[in-house]
Amino acid sequence: MLIIDRDSVTGETYYMVCNDQGLCLIRTRSSAIADFIERRVQGIPPTLRLTVGGDPGTKSERKLWQHVRRWR
């Protein structure tokens, strides 16, 4: 689900992509990135999250989605 929000103070447009459960996967000012993610988010399991460059493991695996890490 793609949600488009415009900041009333600065006038900038923000794009937020949520999964089917309504959890935010990414919030960005780039419509191209938001559209790319939104086209691929339909039907993914709720335990997957978006992999962002710099996350542990992104250099070796290059996956778009990864399982949620459990922190204790």
C-alpha atoms as a PDB file:
ATOM      1  CA  MET A   1       0.000   0.000   0.000  1.00  0.00           C
ATOM      2  CA  LEU A   2       1.407   3.372  -1.019  1.00  0.00           C
ATOM      3  CA  ILE A   3       0.558   6.405   1.116  1.00  0.00           C
ATOM      4  CA  ILE A   4       1.433   9.875  -0.183  1.00  0.00           C
ATOM      5  CA  ASP A   5       1.776  12.691   2.354  1.00  0.00           C
ATOM      6  CA  ARG A   6       2.650  16.341   1.786  1.00  0.00           C
ATOM      7  CA  ASP A   7       4.353  18.303   4.570  1.00  0.00           C
ATOM      8  CA  SER A   8       2.289  21.414   5.261  1.00  0.00           C
ATOM      9  CA  VAL A   9       5.300  23.454   6.382  1.00  0.00           C
ATOM     10  CA  THR A  10       7.937  22.643   3.771  1.00  0.00           C
ATOM     11  CA  GLY A  11       5.643  21.443   0.993  1.00  0.00           C
ATOM     12  CA  GLU A  12       7.770  18.332   0.410  1.00  0.00           C
ATOM     13  CA  THR A  13       6.054  15.110  -0.631  1.00  0.00           C
ATOM     14  CA  TYR A  14       6.760  11.912   1.309  1.00  0.00           C
ATOM     15  CA  TYR A  15       5.902   8.395   0.156  1.00  0.00           C
ATOM     16  CA  MET A  16       5.324   5.577   2.635  1.00  0.00           C
ATOM     17  CA  VAL A  17       4.991   1.946   1.565  1.00  0.00           C
ATOM     18  CA  CYS A  18       3.260  -0.476   3.941  1.00  0.00           C
ATOM     19  CA  ASN A  19       2.855  -4.240   3.761  1.00  0.00           C
ATOM     20  CA  ASP A  20      -0.552  -5.998   3.770  1.00  0.00           C
ATOM     21  CA  GLN A  21      -0.639  -5.821   7.589  1.00  0.00           C
ATOM     22  CA  GLY A  22      -0.164  -2.033   7.567  1.00  0.00           C
ATOM     23  CA  LEU A  23       3.417  -1.996   8.857  1.00  0.00           C
ATOM     24  CA  CYS A  24       5.650   0.671   7.325  1.00  0.00           C
ATOM     25  CA  LEU A  25       8.435  -0.772   5.186  1.00  0.00           C
ATOM     26  CA  ILE A  26       9.939   2.478   3.884  1.00  0.00           C
ATOM     27  CA  ARG A  27       9.293   6.222   4.041  1.00  0.00           C
ATOM     28  CA  THR A  28      11.071   8.234   1.377  1.00  0.00           C
ATOM     29  CA  ARG A  29      10.911  11.396  -0.714  1.00  0.00           C
ATOM     30  CA  SER A  30      11.682   9.422  -3.877  1.00  0.00           C
ATOM     31  CA  SER A  31       8.583   8.419  -5.828  1.00  0.00           C
ATOM     32  CA  ALA A  32      10.669   6.036  -7.959  1.00  0.00           C
ATOM     33  CA  ILE A  33      11.872   4.055  -4.936  1.00  0.00           C
ATOM     34  CA  ALA A  34       8.385   3.997  -3.425  1.00  0.00           C
ATOM     35  CA  ASP A  35       6.869   2.770  -6.690  1.00  0.00           C
ATOM     36  CA  PHE A  36       9.553   0.081  -7.058  1.00  0.00           C
ATOM     37  CA  ILE A  37       8.899  -1.264  -3.539  1.00  0.00           C
ATOM     38  CA  GLU A  38       5.116  -0.936  -3.827  1.00  0.00           C
ATOM     39  CA  ARG A  39       5.056  -3.121  -6.948  1.00  0.00           C
ATOM     40  CA  ARG A  40       6.904  -5.885  -5.063  1.00  0.00           C
ATOM     41  CA  VAL A  41       5.210  -5.762  -1.643  1.00  0.00           C
ATOM     42  CA  GLN A  42       1.930  -7.478  -2.559  1.00  0.00           C
ATOM     43  CA  GLY A  43       1.557 -10.857  -0.858  1.00  0.00           C
ATOM     44  CA  ILE A  44       4.884 -10.995   0.983  1.00  0.00           C
ATOM     45  CA  PRO A  45       4.789 -12.812   4.350  1.00  0.00           C
ATOM     46  CA  PRO A  46       4.372 -10.505   7.390  1.00  0.00           C
ATOM     47  CA  THR A  47       7.711 -11.705   8.806  1.00  0.00           C
ATOM     48  CA  LEU A  48       9.705 -10.111   5.963  1.00  0.00           C
ATOM     49  CA  ARG A  49      11.095  -6.580   5.966  1.00  0.00           C
ATOM     50  CA  LEU A  50      12.876  -4.498   3.369  1.00  0.00           C
ATOM     51  CA  THR A  51      16.656  -4.883   3.214  1.00  0.00           C
ATOM     52  CA  VAL A  52      18.396  -1.516   3.052  1.00  0.00           C
ATOM     53  CA  GLY A  53      22.012  -1.058   1.988  1.00  0.00           C
ATOM     54  CA  GLY A  54      24.266  -1.121   5.028  1.00  0.00           C
ATOM     55  CA  ASP A  55      22.195  -3.735   6.869  1.00  0.00           C
ATOM     56  CA  PRO A  56      24.205  -6.758   8.020  1.00  0.00           C
ATOM     57  CA  GLY A  57      24.349  -9.347   5.236  1.00  0.00           C
ATOM     58  CA  THR A  58      23.398  -7.089   2.328  1.00  0.00           C
ATOM     59  CA  LYS A  59      26.843  -7.208   0.727  1.00  0.00           C
ATOM     60  CA  SER A  60      26.880 -10.972   0.358  1.00  0.00           C
ATOM     61  CA  GLU A  61      23.218 -11.876  -0.236  1.00  0.00           C
ATOM     62  CA  ARG A  62      21.729  -8.926  -2.197  1.00  0.00           C
ATOM     63  CA  LYS A  63      18.129  -9.813  -1.255  1.00  0.00           C
ATOM     64  CA  LEU A  64      15.265  -7.339  -1.393  1.00  0.00           C
ATOM     65  CA  TRP A  65      13.429  -8.945   1.542  1.00  0.00           C
ATOM     66  CA  GLN A  66      14.732 -10.472   4.758  1.00  0.00           C
ATOM     67  CA  HIS A  67      13.222 -12.050   7.854  1.00  0.00           C
ATOM     68  CA  VAL A  68      12.671  -9.876  10.913  1.00  0.00           C
ATOM     69  CA  ARG A  69      15.487 -10.171  13.418  1.00  0.00           C
ATOM     70  CA  ARG A  70      14.337 -10.842  16.960  1.00  0.00           C
ATOM     71  CA  TRP A  71      16.023  -8.598  19.524  1.00  0.00           C
ATOM     72  CA  ARG A  72      16.214  -9.603  23.165  1.00  0.00           C
END
